[in-house]
Each structure stands twice: as C-alpha cells, then as structure tokens.
Amino acid sequence: RIADADIVILDVMLPGLDGFTVGQRLKKASPQTPILLL
C-alpha cells in the first residue's frame, strides 16, 4: 500500500514484525517516501 502514500507514520511497537523491521521494508520498497516513526 505504500505506492499510494505520500508519507508513512509508523509506530515502533507493533504485533508481529516490529516497526523497525516494517520501516526498513517500506523504505526499500519506496525510498523516496518519508517515514515518521512514533
């Protein structure tokens, strides 16, 4: 779903994969989309 986003707001504490892992995958998939960690 990141292809349709202008920006990502991502919480670190998530069920399953944590926010650090999810964020790294998102950045790889769309390097130009900014990510704001909470």
Full PDB file with SEQRES, HELIX, SHEET, SSBOND, CRYST1, ORIGX, SCALE, CONECT and MASTER records, all heavy atoms in Angstrom:
SEQRES   1 A   38  ARG ILE ALA ASP ALA ASP ILE VAL ILE LEU ASP VAL MET          
SEQRES   2 A   38  LEU PRO GLY LEU ASP GLY PHE THR VAL GLY GLN ARG LEU          
SEQRES   3 A   38  LYS LYS ALA SER PRO GLN THR PRO ILE LEU LEU LEU              
HELIX    1 AA1 ILE A    2  ASP A    4  5                                   3    
HELIX    2 AA2 GLY A   19  ALA A   29  1                                  11    
SHEET    1 AA1 2 VAL A   8  LEU A  10  0                                        
SHEET    2 AA1 2 ILE A  35  LEU A  37  1                                        
CRYST1    1.000    1.000    1.000  90.00  90.00  90.00 P 1           1          
ORIGX1      1.000000  0.000000  0.000000        0.00000                         
ORIGX2      0.000000  1.000000  0.000000        0.00000                         
ORIGX3      0.000000  0.000000  1.000000        0.00000                         
SCALE1      1.000000  0.000000  0.000000        0.00000                         
SCALE2      0.000000  1.000000  0.000000        0.00000                         
SCALE3      0.000000  0.000000  1.000000        0.00000                         
ATOM      1  N   ARG A   1       0.798  -1.229   0.000  1.00  0.00           N  
ATOM      2  CA  ARG A   1       0.000   0.000   0.000  1.00  0.00           C  
ATOM      3  C   ARG A   1       0.830   1.279   0.000  1.00  0.00           C  
ATOM      4  O   ARG A   1       0.290   2.384  -0.111  1.00  0.00           O  
ATOM      5  CB  ARG A   1      -0.951  -0.022   1.207  1.00  0.00           C  
ATOM      6  CG  ARG A   1      -2.001  -1.116   1.047  1.00  0.00           C  
ATOM      7  CD  ARG A   1      -2.631  -1.538   2.348  1.00  0.00           C  
ATOM      8  NE  ARG A   1      -3.804  -0.767   2.667  1.00  0.00           N  
ATOM      9  CZ  ARG A   1      -4.753  -1.196   3.517  1.00  0.00           C  
ATOM     10  NH1 ARG A   1      -4.656  -2.384   4.081  1.00  0.00           N  
ATOM     11  NH2 ARG A   1      -5.790  -0.436   3.778  1.00  0.00           N  
ATOM     12  N   ILE A   2       2.136   1.140   0.094  1.00  0.00           N  
ATOM     13  CA  ILE A   2       2.959   2.352   0.182  1.00  0.00           C  
ATOM     14  C   ILE A   2       3.003   3.119  -1.139  1.00  0.00           C  
ATOM     15  O   ILE A   2       3.245   4.335  -1.156  1.00  0.00           O  
ATOM     16  CB  ILE A   2       4.392   2.017   0.652  1.00  0.00           C  
ATOM     17  CG1 ILE A   2       5.107   3.316   1.072  1.00  0.00           C  
ATOM     18  CG2 ILE A   2       5.162   1.266  -0.422  1.00  0.00           C  
ATOM     19  CD1 ILE A   2       6.435   3.100   1.736  1.00  0.00           C  
ATOM     20  N   ALA A   3       2.754   2.428  -2.246  1.00  0.00           N  
ATOM     21  CA  ALA A   3       2.806   3.109  -3.547  1.00  0.00           C  
ATOM     22  C   ALA A   3       1.800   4.257  -3.631  1.00  0.00           C  
ATOM     23  O   ALA A   3       2.001   5.208  -4.384  1.00  0.00           O  
ATOM     24  CB  ALA A   3       2.559   2.114  -4.675  1.00  0.00           C  
ATOM     25  N   ASP A   4       0.724   4.174  -2.849  1.00  0.00           N  
ATOM     26  CA  ASP A   4      -0.316   5.204  -2.895  1.00  0.00           C  
ATOM     27  C   ASP A   4      -0.148   6.259  -1.800  1.00  0.00           C  
ATOM     28  O   ASP A   4      -0.995   7.138  -1.656  1.00  0.00           O  
ATOM     29  CB  ASP A   4      -1.698   4.557  -2.761  1.00  0.00           C  
ATOM     30  CG  ASP A   4      -2.013   3.630  -3.925  1.00  0.00           C  
ATOM     31  OD1 ASP A   4      -1.654   3.987  -5.060  1.00  0.00           O  
ATOM     32  OD2 ASP A   4      -2.591   2.555  -3.703  1.00  0.00           O  
ATOM     33  N   ALA A   5       0.937   6.163  -1.019  1.00  0.00           N  
ATOM     34  CA  ALA A   5       1.115   7.071   0.119  1.00  0.00           C  
ATOM     35  C   ALA A   5       2.128   8.160  -0.188  1.00  0.00           C  
ATOM     36  O   ALA A   5       3.108   7.948  -0.900  1.00  0.00           O  
ATOM     37  CB  ALA A   5       1.566   6.284   1.353  1.00  0.00           C  
ATOM     38  N   ASP A   6       1.887   9.355   0.364  1.00  0.00           N  
ATOM     39  CA  ASP A   6       2.840  10.453   0.284  1.00  0.00           C  
ATOM     40  C   ASP A   6       3.795  10.439   1.466  1.00  0.00           C  
ATOM     41  O   ASP A   6       4.896  10.975   1.385  1.00  0.00           O  
ATOM     42  CB  ASP A   6       2.102  11.789   0.262  1.00  0.00           C  
ATOM     43  CG  ASP A   6       1.231  11.934  -0.970  1.00  0.00           C  
ATOM     44  OD1 ASP A   6       1.781  11.952  -2.078  1.00  0.00           O  
ATOM     45  OD2 ASP A   6      -0.003  12.006  -0.825  1.00  0.00           O  
ATOM     46  N   ILE A   7       3.362   9.842   2.579  1.00  0.00           N  
ATOM     47  CA  ILE A   7       4.163   9.802   3.791  1.00  0.00           C  
ATOM     48  C   ILE A   7       3.668   8.634   4.652  1.00  0.00           C  
ATOM     49  O   ILE A   7       2.501   8.252   4.576  1.00  0.00           O  
ATOM     50  CB  ILE A   7       4.069  11.138   4.575  1.00  0.00           C  
ATOM     51  CG1 ILE A   7       5.024  11.142   5.771  1.00  0.00           C  
ATOM     52  CG2 ILE A   7       2.643  11.446   4.987  1.00  0.00           C  
ATOM     53  CD1 ILE A   7       5.132  12.518   6.457  1.00  0.00           C  
ATOM     54  N   VAL A   8       4.575   8.071   5.449  1.00  0.00           N  
ATOM     55  CA  VAL A   8       4.232   6.975   6.364  1.00  0.00           C  
ATOM     56  C   VAL A   8       4.426   7.450   7.794  1.00  0.00           C  
ATOM     57  O   VAL A   8       5.456   8.050   8.121  1.00  0.00           O  
ATOM     58  CB  VAL A   8       5.121   5.743   6.114  1.00  0.00           C  
ATOM     59  CG1 VAL A   8       4.804   4.637   7.127  1.00  0.00           C  
ATOM     60  CG2 VAL A   8       4.935   5.216   4.699  1.00  0.00           C  
ATOM     61  N   ILE A   9       3.419   7.190   8.634  1.00  0.00           N  
ATOM     62  CA  ILE A   9       3.553   7.390  10.077  1.00  0.00           C  
ATOM     63  C   ILE A   9       3.533   5.997  10.692  1.00  0.00           C  
ATOM     64  O   ILE A   9       2.555   5.256  10.547  1.00  0.00           O  
ATOM     65  CB  ILE A   9       2.429   8.253  10.656  1.00  0.00           C  
ATOM     66  CG1 ILE A   9       2.409   9.617   9.964  1.00  0.00           C  
ATOM     67  CG2 ILE A   9       2.588   8.420  12.163  1.00  0.00           C  
ATOM     68  CD1 ILE A   9       1.244  10.495  10.400  1.00  0.00           C  
ATOM     69  N   LEU A  10       4.595   5.633  11.373  1.00  0.00           N  
ATOM     70  CA  LEU A  10       4.804   4.247  11.784  1.00  0.00           C  
ATOM     71  C   LEU A  10       5.128   4.146  13.269  1.00  0.00           C  
ATOM     72  O   LEU A  10       6.098   4.741  13.742  1.00  0.00           O  
ATOM     73  CB  LEU A  10       5.953   3.657  10.950  1.00  0.00           C  
ATOM     74  CG  LEU A  10       6.456   2.266  11.298  1.00  0.00           C  
ATOM     75  CD1 LEU A  10       5.373   1.218  11.099  1.00  0.00           C  
ATOM     76  CD2 LEU A  10       7.687   1.940  10.446  1.00  0.00           C  
ATOM     77  N   ASP A  11       4.302   3.380  13.982  1.00  0.00           N  
ATOM     78  CA  ASP A  11       4.575   3.118  15.396  1.00  0.00           C  
ATOM     79  C   ASP A  11       5.620   2.019  15.517  1.00  0.00           C  
ATOM     80  O   ASP A  11       5.630   1.067  14.722  1.00  0.00           O  
ATOM     81  CB  ASP A  11       3.287   2.707  16.112  1.00  0.00           C  
ATOM     82  CG  ASP A  11       3.499   2.537  17.611  1.00  0.00           C  
ATOM     83  OD1 ASP A  11       4.044   3.466  18.234  1.00  0.00           O  
ATOM     84  OD2 ASP A  11       3.142   1.470  18.144  1.00  0.00           O  
ATOM     85  N   VAL A  12       6.501   2.126  16.500  1.00  0.00           N  
ATOM     86  CA  VAL A  12       7.563   1.129  16.676  1.00  0.00           C  
ATOM     87  C   VAL A  12       7.027  -0.176  17.253  1.00  0.00           C  
ATOM     88  O   VAL A  12       7.379  -1.263  16.801  1.00  0.00           O  
ATOM     89  CB  VAL A  12       8.686   1.688  17.571  1.00  0.00           C  
ATOM     90  CG1 VAL A  12       9.664   0.583  17.965  1.00  0.00           C  
ATOM     91  CG2 VAL A  12       9.423   2.813  16.854  1.00  0.00           C  
ATOM     92  N   MET A  13       6.148  -0.084  18.263  1.00  0.00           N  
ATOM     93  CA  MET A  13       5.646  -1.276  18.952  1.00  0.00           C  
ATOM     94  C   MET A  13       4.423  -1.811  18.221  1.00  0.00           C  
ATOM     95  O   MET A  13       3.314  -1.308  18.371  1.00  0.00           O  
ATOM     96  CB  MET A  13       5.297  -0.934  20.406  1.00  0.00           C  
ATOM     97  CG  MET A  13       6.476  -0.404  21.204  1.00  0.00           C  
ATOM     98  SD  MET A  13       7.812  -1.622  21.370  1.00  0.00           S  
ATOM     99  CE  MET A  13       7.019  -2.823  22.448  1.00  0.00           C  
ATOM    100  N   LEU A  14       4.645  -2.837  17.398  1.00  0.00           N  
ATOM    101  CA  LEU A  14       3.568  -3.440  16.628  1.00  0.00           C  
ATOM    102  C   LEU A  14       3.502  -4.941  16.898  1.00  0.00           C  
ATOM    103  O   LEU A  14       4.518  -5.555  17.224  1.00  0.00           O  
ATOM    104  CB  LEU A  14       3.795  -3.226  15.123  1.00  0.00           C  
ATOM    105  CG  LEU A  14       3.757  -1.801  14.584  1.00  0.00           C  
ATOM    106  CD1 LEU A  14       4.191  -1.795  13.119  1.00  0.00           C  
ATOM    107  CD2 LEU A  14       2.363  -1.200  14.725  1.00  0.00           C  
ATOM    108  N   PRO A  15       2.331  -5.553  16.741  1.00  0.00           N  
ATOM    109  CA  PRO A  15       2.247  -7.010  16.848  1.00  0.00           C  
ATOM    110  C   PRO A  15       2.929  -7.650  15.640  1.00  0.00           C  
ATOM    111  O   PRO A  15       2.915  -7.098  14.540  1.00  0.00           O  
ATOM    112  CB  PRO A  15       0.738  -7.278  16.833  1.00  0.00           C  
ATOM    113  CG  PRO A  15       0.154  -6.113  16.100  1.00  0.00           C  
ATOM    114  CD  PRO A  15       1.018  -4.942  16.460  1.00  0.00           C  
ATOM    115  N   GLY A  16       3.539  -8.800  15.854  1.00  0.00           N  
ATOM    116  CA  GLY A  16       4.253  -9.431  14.747  1.00  0.00           C  
ATOM    117  C   GLY A  16       5.567  -8.711  14.512  1.00  0.00           C  
ATOM    118  O   GLY A  16       6.347  -8.494  15.439  1.00  0.00           O  
ATOM    119  N   LEU A  17       5.811  -8.303  13.274  1.00  0.00           N  
ATOM    120  CA  LEU A  17       7.035  -7.572  12.961  1.00  0.00           C  
ATOM    121  C   LEU A  17       7.018  -6.200  13.625  1.00  0.00           C  
ATOM    122  O   LEU A  17       6.020  -5.489  13.562  1.00  0.00           O  
ATOM    123  CB  LEU A  17       7.172  -7.400  11.444  1.00  0.00           C  
ATOM    124  CG  LEU A  17       7.372  -8.672  10.613  1.00  0.00           C  
ATOM    125  CD1 LEU A  17       7.380  -8.331   9.133  1.00  0.00           C  
ATOM    126  CD2 LEU A  17       8.665  -9.375  10.996  1.00  0.00           C  
ATOM    127  N   ASP A  18       8.138  -5.833  14.271  1.00  0.00           N  
ATOM    128  CA  ASP A  18       8.171  -4.525  14.924  1.00  0.00           C  
ATOM    129  C   ASP A  18       8.338  -3.417  13.890  1.00  0.00           C  
ATOM    130  O   ASP A  18       8.599  -3.653  12.712  1.00  0.00           O  
ATOM    131  CB  ASP A  18       9.271  -4.467  15.981  1.00  0.00           C  
ATOM    132  CG  ASP A  18      10.675  -4.619  15.403  1.00  0.00           C  
ATOM    133  OD1 ASP A  18      10.899  -4.202  14.244  1.00  0.00           O  
ATOM    134  OD2 ASP A  18      11.547  -5.153  16.101  1.00  0.00           O  
ATOM    135  N   GLY A  19       8.159  -2.182  14.363  1.00  0.00           N  
ATOM    136  CA  GLY A  19       8.192  -1.043  13.468  1.00  0.00           C  
ATOM    137  C   GLY A  19       9.527  -0.842  12.772  1.00  0.00           C  
ATOM    138  O   GLY A  19       9.568  -0.353  11.638  1.00  0.00           O  
ATOM    139  N   PHE A  20      10.624  -1.227  13.437  1.00  0.00           N  
ATOM    140  CA  PHE A  20      11.929  -1.085  12.803  1.00  0.00           C  
ATOM    141  C   PHE A  20      12.016  -1.968  11.549  1.00  0.00           C  
ATOM    142  O   PHE A  20      12.480  -1.540  10.501  1.00  0.00           O  
ATOM    143  CB  PHE A  20      13.044  -1.458  13.782  1.00  0.00           C  
ATOM    144  CG  PHE A  20      13.169  -0.525  14.950  1.00  0.00           C  
ATOM    145  CD1 PHE A  20      13.152  -0.996  16.250  1.00  0.00           C  
ATOM    146  CD2 PHE A  20      13.301   0.853  14.762  1.00  0.00           C  
ATOM    147  CE1 PHE A  20      13.275  -0.136  17.327  1.00  0.00           C  
ATOM    148  CE2 PHE A  20      13.424   1.728  15.834  1.00  0.00           C  
ATOM    149  CZ  PHE A  20      13.410   1.226  17.122  1.00  0.00           C  
ATOM    150  N   THR A  21      11.565  -3.210  11.685  1.00  0.00           N  
ATOM    151  CA  THR A  21      11.613  -4.140  10.550  1.00  0.00           C  
ATOM    152  C   THR A  21      10.666  -3.691   9.442  1.00  0.00           C  
ATOM    153  O   THR A  21      11.019  -3.684   8.258  1.00  0.00           O  
ATOM    154  CB  THR A  21      11.248  -5.559  11.002  1.00  0.00           C  
ATOM    155  OG1 THR A  21      12.144  -5.964  12.049  1.00  0.00           O  
ATOM    156  CG2 THR A  21      11.347  -6.539   9.843  1.00  0.00           C  
ATOM    157  N   VAL A  22       9.439  -3.314   9.835  1.00  0.00           N  
ATOM    158  CA  VAL A  22       8.461  -2.852   8.854  1.00  0.00           C  
ATOM    159  C   VAL A  22       8.984  -1.612   8.135  1.00  0.00           C  
ATOM    160  O   VAL A  22       8.888  -1.494   6.908  1.00  0.00           O  
ATOM    161  CB  VAL A  22       7.112  -2.548   9.526  1.00  0.00           C  
ATOM    162  CG1 VAL A  22       6.145  -1.894   8.526  1.00  0.00           C  
ATOM    163  CG2 VAL A  22       6.494  -3.829  10.085  1.00  0.00           C  
ATOM    164  N   GLY A  23       9.557  -0.690   8.884  1.00  0.00           N  
ATOM    165  CA  GLY A  23      10.063   0.543   8.290  1.00  0.00           C  
ATOM    166  C   GLY A  23      11.180   0.302   7.297  1.00  0.00           C  
ATOM    167  O   GLY A  23      11.234   0.945   6.238  1.00  0.00           O  
ATOM    168  N   GLN A  24      12.074  -0.625   7.610  1.00  0.00           N  
ATOM    169  CA  GLN A  24      13.166  -0.937   6.691  1.00  0.00           C  
ATOM    170  C   GLN A  24      12.626  -1.506   5.383  1.00  0.00           C  
ATOM    171  O   GLN A  24      13.119  -1.188   4.291  1.00  0.00           O  
ATOM    172  CB  GLN A  24      14.130  -1.919   7.350  1.00  0.00           C  
ATOM    173  CG  GLN A  24      14.948  -1.289   8.470  1.00  0.00           C  
ATOM    174  CD  GLN A  24      15.663  -2.314   9.326  1.00  0.00           C  
ATOM    175  OE1 GLN A  24      15.427  -3.514   9.207  1.00  0.00           O  
ATOM    176  NE2 GLN A  24      16.541  -1.846  10.204  1.00  0.00           N  
ATOM    177  N   ARG A  25      11.593  -2.349   5.478  1.00  0.00           N  
ATOM    178  CA  ARG A  25      10.995  -2.928   4.271  1.00  0.00           C  
ATOM    179  C   ARG A  25      10.280  -1.859   3.447  1.00  0.00           C  
ATOM    180  O   ARG A  25      10.343  -1.872   2.222  1.00  0.00           O  
ATOM    181  CB  ARG A  25      10.026  -4.052   4.662  1.00  0.00           C  
ATOM    182  CG  ARG A  25      10.725  -5.256   5.269  1.00  0.00           C  
ATOM    183  CD  ARG A  25       9.752  -6.387   5.557  1.00  0.00           C  
ATOM    184  NE  ARG A  25      10.466  -7.544   6.106  1.00  0.00           N  
ATOM    185  CZ  ARG A  25       9.875  -8.707   6.406  1.00  0.00           C  
ATOM    186  NH1 ARG A  25       8.573  -8.861   6.208  1.00  0.00           N  
ATOM    187  NH2 ARG A  25      10.585  -9.707   6.887  1.00  0.00           N  
ATOM    188  N   LEU A  26       9.610  -0.943   4.134  1.00  0.00           N  
ATOM    189  CA  LEU A  26       8.918   0.128   3.424  1.00  0.00           C  
ATOM    190  C   LEU A  26       9.903   1.039   2.706  1.00  0.00           C  
ATOM    191  O   LEU A  26       9.668   1.462   1.572  1.00  0.00           O  
ATOM    192  CB  LEU A  26       8.056   0.936   4.398  1.00  0.00           C  
ATOM    193  CG  LEU A  26       6.835   0.227   4.982  1.00  0.00           C  
ATOM    194  CD1 LEU A  26       6.175   1.099   6.045  1.00  0.00           C  
ATOM    195  CD2 LEU A  26       5.830  -0.115   3.892  1.00  0.00           C  
ATOM    196  N   LYS A  27      10.997   1.348   3.373  1.00  0.00           N  
ATOM    197  CA  LYS A  27      11.990   2.245   2.768  1.00  0.00           C  
ATOM    198  C   LYS A  27      12.634   1.592   1.552  1.00  0.00           C  
ATOM    199  O   LYS A  27      12.936   2.267   0.551  1.00  0.00           O  
ATOM    200  CB  LYS A  27      13.063   2.610   3.793  1.00  0.00           C  
ATOM    201  CG  LYS A  27      13.786   3.906   3.458  1.00  0.00           C  
ATOM    202  CD  LYS A  27      12.815   5.083   3.513  1.00  0.00           C  
ATOM    203  CE  LYS A  27      13.505   6.405   3.321  1.00  0.00           C  
ATOM    204  NZ  LYS A  27      12.549   7.531   3.309  1.00  0.00           N  
ATOM    205  N   LYS A  28      12.834   0.288   1.618  1.00  0.00           N  
ATOM    206  CA  LYS A  28      13.388  -0.422   0.466  1.00  0.00           C  
ATOM    207  C   LYS A  28      12.402  -0.415  -0.695  1.00  0.00           C  
ATOM    208  O   LYS A  28      12.781  -0.261  -1.856  1.00  0.00           O  
ATOM    209  CB  LYS A  28      13.738  -1.859   0.847  1.00  0.00           C  
ATOM    210  CG  LYS A  28      14.349  -2.653  -0.292  1.00  0.00           C  
ATOM    211  CD  LYS A  28      14.707  -4.070   0.144  1.00  0.00           C  
ATOM    212  CE  LYS A  28      15.314  -4.848  -1.026  1.00  0.00           C  
ATOM    213  NZ  LYS A  28      15.653  -6.241  -0.641  1.00  0.00           N  
ATOM    214  N   ALA A  29      11.116  -0.583  -0.372  1.00  0.00           N  
ATOM    215  CA  ALA A  29      10.089  -0.631  -1.415  1.00  0.00           C  
ATOM    216  C   ALA A  29       9.858   0.733  -2.051  1.00  0.00           C  
ATOM    217  O   ALA A  29       9.554   0.827  -3.240  1.00  0.00           O  
ATOM    218  CB  ALA A  29       8.778  -1.159  -0.837  1.00  0.00           C  
ATOM    219  N   SER A  30       9.991   1.806  -1.267  1.00  0.00           N  
ATOM    220  CA  SER A  30       9.733   3.153  -1.793  1.00  0.00           C  
ATOM    221  C   SER A  30      10.700   4.141  -1.142  1.00  0.00           C  
ATOM    222  O   SER A  30      10.345   4.828  -0.177  1.00  0.00           O  
ATOM    223  CB  SER A  30       8.280   3.565  -1.510  1.00  0.00           C  
ATOM    224  OG  SER A  30       7.976   4.802  -2.095  1.00  0.00           O  
ATOM    225  N   PRO A  31      11.939   4.207  -1.637  1.00  0.00           N  
ATOM    226  CA  PRO A  31      12.978   5.021  -0.990  1.00  0.00           C  
ATOM    227  C   PRO A  31      12.639   6.498  -0.865  1.00  0.00           C  
ATOM    228  O   PRO A  31      13.146   7.176   0.027  1.00  0.00           O  
ATOM    229  CB  PRO A  31      14.199   4.812  -1.903  1.00  0.00           C  
ATOM    230  CG  PRO A  31      13.923   3.544  -2.637  1.00  0.00           C  
ATOM    231  CD  PRO A  31      12.444   3.492  -2.820  1.00  0.00           C  
ATOM    232  N   GLN A  32      11.792   7.018  -1.767  1.00  0.00           N  
ATOM    233  CA  GLN A  32      11.504   8.453  -1.764  1.00  0.00           C  
ATOM    234  C   GLN A  32      10.329   8.845  -0.871  1.00  0.00           C  
ATOM    235  O   GLN A  32      10.018  10.026  -0.742  1.00  0.00           O  
ATOM    236  CB  GLN A  32      11.220   8.916  -3.201  1.00  0.00           C  
ATOM    237  CG  GLN A  32      12.384   8.692  -4.148  1.00  0.00           C  
ATOM    238  CD  GLN A  32      13.638   9.390  -3.685  1.00  0.00           C  
ATOM    239  OE1 GLN A  32      13.629  10.592  -3.427  1.00  0.00           O  
ATOM    240  NE2 GLN A  32      14.730   8.652  -3.573  1.00  0.00           N  
ATOM    241  N   THR A  33       9.667   7.853  -0.239  1.00  0.00           N  
ATOM    242  CA  THR A  33       8.532   8.166   0.632  1.00  0.00           C  
ATOM    243  C   THR A  33       9.023   8.377   2.058  1.00  0.00           C  
ATOM    244  O   THR A  33       9.612   7.467   2.648  1.00  0.00           O  
ATOM    245  CB  THR A  33       7.491   7.029   0.613  1.00  0.00           C  
ATOM    246  OG1 THR A  33       7.068   6.793  -0.733  1.00  0.00           O  
ATOM    247  CG2 THR A  33       6.276   7.399   1.458  1.00  0.00           C  
ATOM    248  N   PRO A  34       8.818   9.555   2.643  1.00  0.00           N  
ATOM    249  CA  PRO A  34       9.315   9.809   4.000  1.00  0.00           C  
ATOM    250  C   PRO A  34       8.580   8.989   5.046  1.00  0.00           C  
ATOM    251  O   PRO A  34       7.382   8.723   4.926  1.00  0.00           O  
ATOM    252  CB  PRO A  34       9.065  11.312   4.197  1.00  0.00           C  
ATOM    253  CG  PRO A  34       7.967  11.642   3.237  1.00  0.00           C  
ATOM    254  CD  PRO A  34       8.146  10.728   2.062  1.00  0.00           C  
ATOM    255  N   ILE A  35       9.315   8.593   6.076  1.00  0.00           N  
ATOM    256  CA  ILE A  35       8.762   7.811   7.187  1.00  0.00           C  
ATOM    257  C   ILE A  35       8.970   8.571   8.484  1.00  0.00           C  
ATOM    258  O   ILE A  35      10.089   8.991   8.797  1.00  0.00           O  
ATOM    259  CB  ILE A  35       9.432   6.428   7.282  1.00  0.00           C  
ATOM    260  CG1 ILE A  35       9.153   5.603   6.019  1.00  0.00           C  
ATOM    261  CG2 ILE A  35       8.961   5.674   8.528  1.00  0.00           C  
ATOM    262  CD1 ILE A  35       9.863   4.255   5.986  1.00  0.00           C  
ATOM    263  N   LEU A  36       7.885   8.746   9.231  1.00  0.00           N  
ATOM    264  CA  LEU A  36       7.931   9.365  10.552  1.00  0.00           C  
ATOM    265  C   LEU A  36       7.647   8.284  11.588  1.00  0.00           C  
ATOM    266  O   LEU A  36       6.568   7.690  11.592  1.00  0.00           O  
ATOM    267  CB  LEU A  36       6.893  10.482  10.652  1.00  0.00           C  
ATOM    268  CG  LEU A  36       6.634  11.105  12.026  1.00  0.00           C  
ATOM    269  CD1 LEU A  36       7.910  11.699  12.606  1.00  0.00           C  
ATOM    270  CD2 LEU A  36       5.547  12.167  11.935  1.00  0.00           C  
ATOM    271  N   LEU A  37       8.619   8.011  12.435  1.00  0.00           N  
ATOM    272  CA  LEU A  37       8.455   6.987  13.474  1.00  0.00           C  
ATOM    273  C   LEU A  37       7.833   7.586  14.729  1.00  0.00           C  
ATOM    274  O   LEU A  37       8.201   8.684  15.144  1.00  0.00           O  
ATOM    275  CB  LEU A  37       9.816   6.386  13.845  1.00  0.00           C  
ATOM    276  CG  LEU A  37      10.358   5.196  13.060  1.00  0.00           C  
ATOM    277  CD1 LEU A  37      11.680   4.745  13.667  1.00  0.00           C  
ATOM    278  CD2 LEU A  37       9.368   4.043  13.046  1.00  0.00           C  
ATOM    279  N   LEU A  38       6.905   6.839  15.318  1.00  0.00           N  
ATOM    280  CA  LEU A  38       6.327   7.197  16.607  1.00  0.00           C  
ATOM    281  C   LEU A  38       6.720   6.145  17.623  1.00  0.00           C  
ATOM    282  O   LEU A  38       6.632   4.943  17.344  1.00  0.00           O  
ATOM    283  CB  LEU A  38       4.796   7.254  16.517  1.00  0.00           C  
ATOM    284  CG  LEU A  38       4.171   8.214  15.499  1.00  0.00           C  
ATOM    285  CD1 LEU A  38       2.655   8.084  15.542  1.00  0.00           C  
ATOM    286  CD2 LEU A  38       4.593   9.646  15.773  1.00  0.00           C  
TER     287      LEU A  38                                                      
MASTER        0    0    0    2    2    0    0    6  286    1    0    3          
END                                                                             
